PDB file of N, CA and C in Angstrom:
ATOM      1  N   UNK A   1     102.715  77.292 108.378  1.00  0.00           N
ATOM      2  CA  UNK A   1     101.927  78.328 109.661  1.00  0.00           C
ATOM      3  C   UNK A   1     101.774  77.038 110.001  1.00  0.00           C
ATOM      4  N   UNK A   2     101.315  78.024 111.531  1.00  0.00           N
ATOM      5  CA  UNK A   2     100.762  77.271 113.013  1.00  0.00           C
ATOM      6  C   UNK A   2     100.240  77.399 113.039  1.00  0.00           C
ATOM      7  N   UNK A   3      99.051  76.241 113.613  1.00  0.00           N
ATOM      8  CA  UNK A   3      96.971  76.590 114.350  1.00  0.00           C
ATOM      9  C   UNK A   3      97.456  78.291 114.646  1.00  0.00           C
ATOM     10  N   UNK A   4      96.240  78.827 113.579  1.00  0.00           N
ATOM     11  CA  UNK A   4      96.118  79.628 115.498  1.00  0.00           C
ATOM     12  C   UNK A   4      96.868  80.629 115.318  1.00  0.00           C
ATOM     13  N   UNK A   5      97.742  81.497 113.693  1.00  0.00           N
ATOM     14  CA  UNK A   5      98.255  81.976 113.545  1.00  0.00           C
ATOM     15  C   UNK A   5      98.302  83.462 113.495  1.00  0.00           C
ATOM     16  N   UNK A   6      96.835  83.231 113.572  1.00  0.00           N
ATOM     17  CA  UNK A   6      96.229  84.847 113.341  1.00  0.00           C
ATOM     18  C   UNK A   6      96.559  86.025 112.468  1.00  0.00           C
ATOM     19  N   UNK A   7      97.656  85.942 112.355  1.00  0.00           N
ATOM     20  CA  UNK A   7      98.761  87.622 112.428  1.00  0.00           C
ATOM     21  C   UNK A   7      99.415  86.628 110.810  1.00  0.00           C
ATOM     22  N   UNK A   8      99.873  85.313 110.699  1.00  0.00           N
ATOM     23  CA  UNK A   8     100.639  84.766 109.489  1.00  0.00           C
ATOM     24  C   UNK A   8      99.534  85.130 108.488  1.00  0.00           C
ATOM     25  N   UNK A   9      98.045  84.232 109.342  1.00  0.00           N
ATOM     26  CA  UNK A   9      96.504  84.189 108.195  1.00  0.00           C
ATOM     27  C   UNK A   9      96.473  85.288 107.544  1.00  0.00           C
ATOM     28  N   UNK A  10      96.938  85.792 108.191  1.00  0.00           N
ATOM     29  CA  UNK A  10      96.401  87.891 107.893  1.00  0.00           C
ATOM     30  C   UNK A  10      96.879  88.398 106.895  1.00  0.00           C
ATOM     31  N   UNK A  11      98.081  87.701 106.828  1.00  0.00           N
ATOM     32  CA  UNK A  11      99.730  88.794 106.035  1.00  0.00           C
ATOM     33  C   UNK A  11      99.106  87.512 104.867  1.00  0.00           C
ATOM     34  N   UNK A  12      98.540  86.944 104.883  1.00  0.00           N
ATOM     35  CA  UNK A  12      97.918  85.998 103.274  1.00  0.00           C
ATOM     36  C   UNK A  12      97.246  86.374 102.995  1.00  0.00           C
ATOM     37  N   UNK A  13      96.010  87.025 103.542  1.00  0.00           N
ATOM     38  CA  UNK A  13      94.944  87.303 103.229  1.00  0.00           C
ATOM     39  C   UNK A  13      95.757  88.829 102.068  1.00  0.00           C
ATOM     40  N   UNK A  14      96.033  89.442 103.450  1.00  0.00           N
ATOM     41  CA  UNK A  14      96.241  90.857 102.699  1.00  0.00           C
ATOM     42  C   UNK A  14      97.208  91.112 101.530  1.00  0.00           C
ATOM     43  N   UNK A  15      98.175  89.939 100.778  1.00  0.00           N
ATOM     44  CA  UNK A  15      98.690  90.151 100.022  1.00  0.00           C
ATOM     45  C   UNK A  15      97.940  88.778  99.532  1.00  0.00           C
ATOM     46  N   UNK A  16      96.231  87.436  99.050  1.00  0.00           N
ATOM     47  CA  UNK A  16      96.315  87.986  98.369  1.00  0.00           C
ATOM     48  C   UNK A  16      95.443  88.825  98.005  1.00  0.00           C
ATOM     49  N   UNK A  17      95.142  89.230  98.388  1.00  0.00           N
ATOM     50  CA  UNK A  17      93.513  90.856  98.401  1.00  0.00           C
ATOM     51  C   UNK A  17      94.898  91.750  97.483  1.00  0.00           C
ATOM     52  N   UNK A  18      95.609  91.942  97.203  1.00  0.00           N
ATOM     53  CA  UNK A  18      96.753  93.366  97.062  1.00  0.00           C
ATOM     54  C   UNK A  18      96.906  92.056  94.819  1.00  0.00           C
ATOM     55  N   UNK A  19      97.519  91.174  95.148  1.00  0.00           N
ATOM     56  CA  UNK A  19      97.313  90.096  93.858  1.00  0.00           C
ATOM     57  C   UNK A  19      96.281  90.213  93.509  1.00  0.00           C
ATOM     58  N   UNK A  20      95.189  90.188  93.472  1.00  0.00           N
ATOM     59  CA  UNK A  20      94.266  90.470  92.689  1.00  0.00           C
ATOM     60  C   UNK A  20      93.455  92.099  92.182  1.00  0.00           C
ATOM     61  N   UNK A  21      93.764  93.068  92.898  1.00  0.00           N
ATOM     62  CA  UNK A  21      94.189  93.857  92.942  1.00  0.00           C
ATOM     63  C   UNK A  21      94.868  94.575  91.732  1.00  0.00           C
ATOM     64  N   UNK A  22      96.584  93.850  91.288  1.00  0.00           N
ATOM     65  CA  UNK A  22      97.661  93.627  90.453  1.00  0.00           C
ATOM     66  C   UNK A  22      97.443  93.287  88.935  1.00  0.00           C
ATOM     67  N   UNK A  23      96.275  92.178  89.349  1.00  0.00           N
ATOM     68  CA  UNK A  23      96.188  91.362  88.246  1.00  0.00           C
ATOM     69  C   UNK A  23      94.373  91.724  87.528  1.00  0.00           C
ATOM     70  N   UNK A  24      93.648  92.301  88.503  1.00  0.00           N
ATOM     71  CA  UNK A  24      92.411  93.154  88.014  1.00  0.00           C
ATOM     72  C   UNK A  24      93.023  94.129  87.432  1.00  0.00           C
ATOM     73  N   UNK A  25      94.278  95.112  87.885  1.00  0.00           N
ATOM     74  CA  UNK A  25      94.222  96.153  87.055  1.00  0.00           C
ATOM     75  C   UNK A  25      95.073  95.717  85.386  1.00  0.00           C
ATOM     76  N   UNK A  26      95.846  94.751  85.655  1.00  0.00           N
ATOM     77  CA  UNK A  26      97.110  94.526  84.406  1.00  0.00           C
ATOM     78  C   UNK A  26      95.357  93.763  83.542  1.00  0.00           C
ATOM     79  N   UNK A  27      94.463  92.894  83.719  1.00  0.00           N
ATOM     80  CA  UNK A  27      93.714  92.378  82.977  1.00  0.00           C
ATOM     81  C   UNK A  27      93.459  94.066  81.867  1.00  0.00           C
ATOM     82  N   UNK A  28      92.859  95.182  82.782  1.00  0.00           N
ATOM     83  CA  UNK A  28      92.282  95.897  82.179  1.00  0.00           C
ATOM     84  C   UNK A  28      93.157  96.349  80.931  1.00  0.00           C
ATOM     85  N   UNK A  29      95.016  96.661  80.855  1.00  0.00           N
ATOM     86  CA  UNK A  29      95.442  96.519  80.342  1.00  0.00           C
ATOM     87  C   UNK A  29      95.596  95.809  79.305  1.00  0.00           C
ATOM     88  N   UNK A  30      95.502  94.514  79.419  1.00  0.00           N
ATOM     89  CA  UNK A  30      95.891  93.874  78.198  1.00  0.00           C
ATOM     90  C   UNK A  30      94.686  93.230  77.692  1.00  0.00           C
ATOM     91  N   UNK A  31      92.978  93.831  77.814  1.00  0.00           N
ATOM     92  CA  UNK A  31      92.435  94.277  77.043  1.00  0.00           C
ATOM     93  C   UNK A  31      92.654  95.826  75.711  1.00  0.00           C
ATOM     94  N   UNK A  32      93.206  96.355  76.116  1.00  0.00           N
ATOM     95  CA  UNK A  32      93.801  96.924  75.098  1.00  0.00           C
ATOM     96  C   UNK A  32      95.091  96.685  74.305  1.00  0.00           C
ATOM     97  N   UNK A  33      95.998  94.972  74.654  1.00  0.00           N
ATOM     98  CA  UNK A  33      97.084  95.207  73.846  1.00  0.00           C
ATOM     99  C   UNK A  33      96.464  94.197  72.999  1.00  0.00           C
ATOM    100  N   UNK A  34      95.280  93.062  73.757  1.00  0.00           N
ATOM    101  CA  UNK A  34      94.769  92.469  73.195  1.00  0.00           C
ATOM    102  C   UNK A  34      93.632  92.633  71.602  1.00  0.00           C
ATOM    103  N   UNK A  35      93.614  93.727  71.894  1.00  0.00           N
ATOM    104  CA  UNK A  35      92.377  94.913  71.028  1.00  0.00           C
ATOM    105  C   UNK A  35      93.739  95.164  69.770  1.00  0.00           C
ATOM    106  N   UNK A  36      94.500  95.410  70.553  1.00  0.00           N
ATOM    107  CA  UNK A  36      95.781  95.183  69.373  1.00  0.00           C
ATOM    108  C   UNK A  36      95.598  94.119  68.755  1.00  0.00           C
ATOM    109  N   UNK A  37      96.072  93.088  69.477  1.00  0.00           N
ATOM    110  CA  UNK A  37      96.158  92.176  68.562  1.00  0.00           C
ATOM    111  C   UNK A  37      95.434  91.757  67.082  1.00  0.00           C
ATOM    112  N   UNK A  38      93.764  91.911  67.439  1.00  0.00           N
ATOM    113  CA  UNK A  38      92.739  91.019  67.053  1.00  0.00           C
ATOM    114  C   UNK A  38      92.975  92.244  65.798  1.00  0.00           C
ATOM    115  N   UNK A  39      93.824  93.349  65.390  1.00  0.00           N
ATOM    116  CA  UNK A  39      93.398  94.316  64.964  1.00  0.00           C
ATOM    117  C   UNK A  39      94.469  93.795  63.058  1.00  0.00           C
ATOM    118  N   UNK A  40      93.272  93.773  62.226  1.00  0.00           N
ATOM    119  CA  UNK A  40      94.236  92.978  60.631  1.00  0.00           C
ATOM    120  C   UNK A  40      95.544  93.499  60.444  1.00  0.00           C
ATOM    121  N   UNK A  41      95.776  92.897  59.658  1.00  0.00           N
ATOM    122  CA  UNK A  41      97.460  93.709  59.247  1.00  0.00           C
ATOM    123  C   UNK A  41      97.022  95.048  58.600  1.00  0.00           C
ATOM    124  N   UNK A  42      96.312  94.587  57.506  1.00  0.00           N
ATOM    125  CA  UNK A  42      96.286  95.348  56.352  1.00  0.00           C
ATOM    126  C   UNK A  42      94.936  97.354  57.168  1.00  0.00           C
ATOM    127  N   UNK A  43      94.521  96.728  58.558  1.00  0.00           N
ATOM    128  CA  UNK A  43      94.601  98.461  58.854  1.00  0.00           C
ATOM    129  C   UNK A  43      94.584  98.644  60.214  1.00  0.00           C
ATOM    130  N   UNK A  44      96.098  98.129  59.951  1.00  0.00           N
ATOM    131  CA  UNK A  44      97.053  98.472  61.380  1.00  0.00           C
ATOM    132  C   UNK A  44      98.088  99.776  60.169  1.00  0.00           C
ATOM    133  N   UNK A  45      97.931 100.633  61.579  1.00  0.00           N
ATOM    134  CA  UNK A  45      98.660 101.837  61.223  1.00  0.00           C
ATOM    135  C   UNK A  45      99.786 102.362  62.726  1.00  0.00           C
ATOM    136  N   UNK A  46     100.264 102.437  62.087  1.00  0.00           N
ATOM    137  CA  UNK A  46     101.657 102.315  62.883  1.00  0.00           C
ATOM    138  C   UNK A  46     101.496 103.387  64.171  1.00  0.00           C
ATOM    139  N   UNK A  47     100.958 104.682  63.479  1.00  0.00           N
ATOM    140  CA  UNK A  47     100.813 105.802  64.641  1.00  0.00           C
ATOM    141  C   UNK A  47      99.636 105.593  65.512  1.00  0.00           C
ATOM    142  N   UNK A  48      99.098 104.925  65.372  1.00  0.00           N
ATOM    143  CA  UNK A  48      97.697 105.066  66.568  1.00  0.00           C
ATOM    144  C   UNK A  48      98.239 103.386  67.226  1.00  0.00           C
ATOM    145  N   UNK A  49      98.863 102.406  66.848  1.00  0.00           N
ATOM    146  CA  UNK A  49      99.055 101.769  68.336  1.00  0.00           C
ATOM    147  C   UNK A  49      99.858 102.488  68.707  1.00  0.00           C
ATOM    148  N   UNK A  50     101.278 103.487  68.571  1.00  0.00           N
ATOM    149  CA  UNK A  50     102.051 103.627  69.275  1.00  0.00           C
ATOM    150  C   UNK A  50     101.842 105.017  70.692  1.00  0.00           C
ATOM    151  N   UNK A  51     100.138 105.165  69.954  1.00  0.00           N
ATOM    152  CA  UNK A  51      99.454 105.713  71.228  1.00  0.00           C
ATOM    153  C   UNK A  51      98.714 105.275  71.841  1.00  0.00           C
ATOM    154  N   UNK A  52      98.587 103.863  71.100  1.00  0.00           N
ATOM    155  CA  UNK A  52      97.400 103.235  72.701  1.00  0.00           C
ATOM    156  C   UNK A  52      98.942 103.210  72.959  1.00  0.00           C
ATOM    157  N   UNK A  53      99.643 102.758  72.114  1.00  0.00           N
ATOM    158  CA  UNK A  53     100.207 101.976  74.521  1.00  0.00           C
ATOM    159  C   UNK A  53     100.663 102.923  74.773  1.00  0.00           C
ATOM    160  N   UNK A  54     101.792 103.480  74.512  1.00  0.00           N
ATOM    161  CA  UNK A  54     101.209 105.691  74.789  1.00  0.00           C
ATOM    162  C   UNK A  54     100.706 105.141  76.110  1.00  0.00           C
ATOM    163  N   UNK A  55      99.415 105.509  75.840  1.00  0.00           N
ATOM    164  CA  UNK A  55      98.378 105.979  76.553  1.00  0.00           C
ATOM    165  C   UNK A  55      98.402 105.131  77.237  1.00  0.00           C
ATOM    166  N   UNK A  56      98.069 103.468  76.941  1.00  0.00           N
ATOM    167  CA  UNK A  56      98.287 102.618  77.731  1.00  0.00           C
ATOM    168  C   UNK A  56      99.126 102.552  79.224  1.00  0.00           C
ATOM    169  N   UNK A  57     100.908 102.434  78.684  1.00  0.00           N
ATOM    170  CA  UNK A  57     101.846 103.756  79.717  1.00  0.00           C
ATOM    171  C   UNK A  57     101.218 104.096  80.786  1.00  0.00           C
ATOM    172  N   UNK A  58     100.477 105.741  79.957  1.00  0.00           N
ATOM    173  CA  UNK A  58     100.712 106.363  81.176  1.00  0.00           C
ATOM    174  C   UNK A  58      99.641 105.647  82.338  1.00  0.00           C
ATOM    175  N   UNK A  59      98.436 105.055  81.763  1.00  0.00           N
ATOM    176  CA  UNK A  59      97.723 104.263  82.610  1.00  0.00           C
ATOM    177  C   UNK A  59      98.693 103.543  83.700  1.00  0.00           C
ATOM    178  N   UNK A  60      99.583 102.834  83.250  1.00  0.00           N
ATOM    179  CA  UNK A  60      99.503 101.867  84.113  1.00  0.00           C
ATOM    180  C   UNK A  60     100.435 102.449  84.999  1.00  0.00           C
ATOM    181  N   UNK A  61     101.200 103.921  84.581  1.00  0.00           N
ATOM    182  CA  UNK A  61     102.494 104.854  86.242  1.00  0.00           C
ATOM    183  C   UNK A  61     100.724 105.631  86.985  1.00  0.00           C
ATOM    184  N   UNK A  62      99.788 105.668  86.155  1.00  0.00           N
ATOM    185  CA  UNK A  62      99.186 106.014  87.519  1.00  0.00           C
ATOM    186  C   UNK A  62      98.142 105.284  87.831  1.00  0.00           C
ATOM    187  N   UNK A  63      98.626 103.618  87.973  1.00  0.00           N
ATOM    188  CA  UNK A  63      97.932 102.841  89.064  1.00  0.00           C
ATOM    189  C   UNK A  63      99.145 103.397  90.475  1.00  0.00           C
ATOM    190  N   UNK A  64      97.966 102.964  91.385  1.00  0.00           N
ATOM    191  CA  UNK A  64      98.659 102.813  93.571  1.00  0.00           C
ATOM    192  C   UNK A  64     100.106 102.847  93.539  1.00  0.00           C
ATOM    193  N   UNK A  65     100.584 103.113  94.133  1.00  0.00           N
ATOM    194  CA  UNK A  65     101.578 103.160  94.382  1.00  0.00           C
ATOM    195  C   UNK A  65     102.207 101.080  95.166  1.00  0.00           C
ATOM    196  N   UNK A  66     100.933 100.901  95.730  1.00  0.00           N
ATOM    197  CA  UNK A  66     100.515  99.785  96.695  1.00  0.00           C
ATOM    198  C   UNK A  66     100.747  99.138  94.829  1.00  0.00           C
ATOM    199  N   UNK A  67     100.479  99.063  93.919  1.00  0.00           N
ATOM    200  CA  UNK A  67     100.622  98.520  92.933  1.00  0.00           C
ATOM    201  C   UNK A  67     101.745  97.744  91.804  1.00  0.00           C
ATOM    202  N   UNK A  68     101.464  99.528  91.681  1.00  0.00           N
ATOM    203  CA  UNK A  68     102.756  99.152  91.269  1.00  0.00           C
ATOM    204  C   UNK A  68     104.560  98.788  91.646  1.00  0.00           C
ATOM    205  N   UNK A  69     104.551  98.427  93.208  1.00  0.00           N
ATOM    206  CA  UNK A  69     105.648  98.380  93.882  1.00  0.00           C
ATOM    207  C   UNK A  69     104.894  96.774  93.416  1.00  0.00           C
ATOM    208  N   UNK A  70     104.031  95.900  93.135  1.00  0.00           N
ATOM    209  CA  UNK A  70     104.291  94.461  93.086  1.00  0.00           C
ATOM    210  C   UNK A  70     105.313  94.457  92.148  1.00  0.00           C
ATOM    211  N   UNK A  71     105.644  92.920  91.684  1.00  0.00           N
ATOM    212  CA  UNK A  71     106.203  92.205  91.398  1.00  0.00           C
ATOM    213  C   UNK A  71     105.844  91.378  89.703  1.00  0.00           C
ATOM    214  N   UNK A  72     104.521  91.104  89.276  1.00  0.00           N
ATOM    215  CA  UNK A  72     103.609  91.792  89.079  1.00  0.00           C
ATOM    216  C   UNK A  72     102.958  92.414  88.010  1.00  0.00           C
ATOM    217  N   UNK A  73     103.038  94.021  88.141  1.00  0.00           N
ATOM    218  CA  UNK A  73     103.222  94.825  87.819  1.00  0.00           C
ATOM    219  C   UNK A  73     104.624  94.997  86.992  1.00  0.00           C
ATOM    220  N   UNK A  74     105.364  94.962  87.399  1.00  0.00           N
ATOM    221  CA  UNK A  74     107.430  95.432  86.868  1.00  0.00           C
ATOM    222  C   UNK A  74     106.856  94.586  85.559  1.00  0.00           C
ATOM    223  N   UNK A  75     106.468  92.812  85.223  1.00  0.00           N
ATOM    224  CA  UNK A  75     106.560  91.807  84.790  1.00  0.00           C
ATOM    225  C   UNK A  75     105.871  92.649  83.740  1.00  0.00           C
ATOM    226  N   UNK A  76     104.599  92.619  83.530  1.00  0.00           N
ATOM    227  CA  UNK A  76     104.027  92.981  82.500  1.00  0.00           C
ATOM    228  C   UNK A  76     104.279  93.912  82.146  1.00  0.00           C
ATOM    229  N   UNK A  77     104.027  95.391  82.444  1.00  0.00           N
ATOM    230  CA  UNK A  77     104.621  96.359  82.205  1.00  0.00           C
ATOM    231  C   UNK A  77     105.712  96.544  81.942  1.00  0.00           C
ATOM    232  N   UNK A  78     107.051  96.116  81.616  1.00  0.00           N
ATOM    233  CA  UNK A  78     108.665  95.373  80.472  1.00  0.00           C
ATOM    234  C   UNK A  78     107.786  94.848  79.333  1.00  0.00           C
TER     235      UNK A  78
END
């Protein structure tokens, strides 16, 4: 990047803000996954876990298009 290239710097700032937004939403989603992982095996109910994961996928599908188009979103959704 050349000194004084404000447009490129502006693009980098915009990309950084988008990445922070994506990670923020994914972090919220992964809190659900972490809660499931903390469930003791003796209390594990397959149906409830499946329902929680299905709900999580629905929430992720409701993310704004600008977040869903990011590579990070695709990786963590899969």
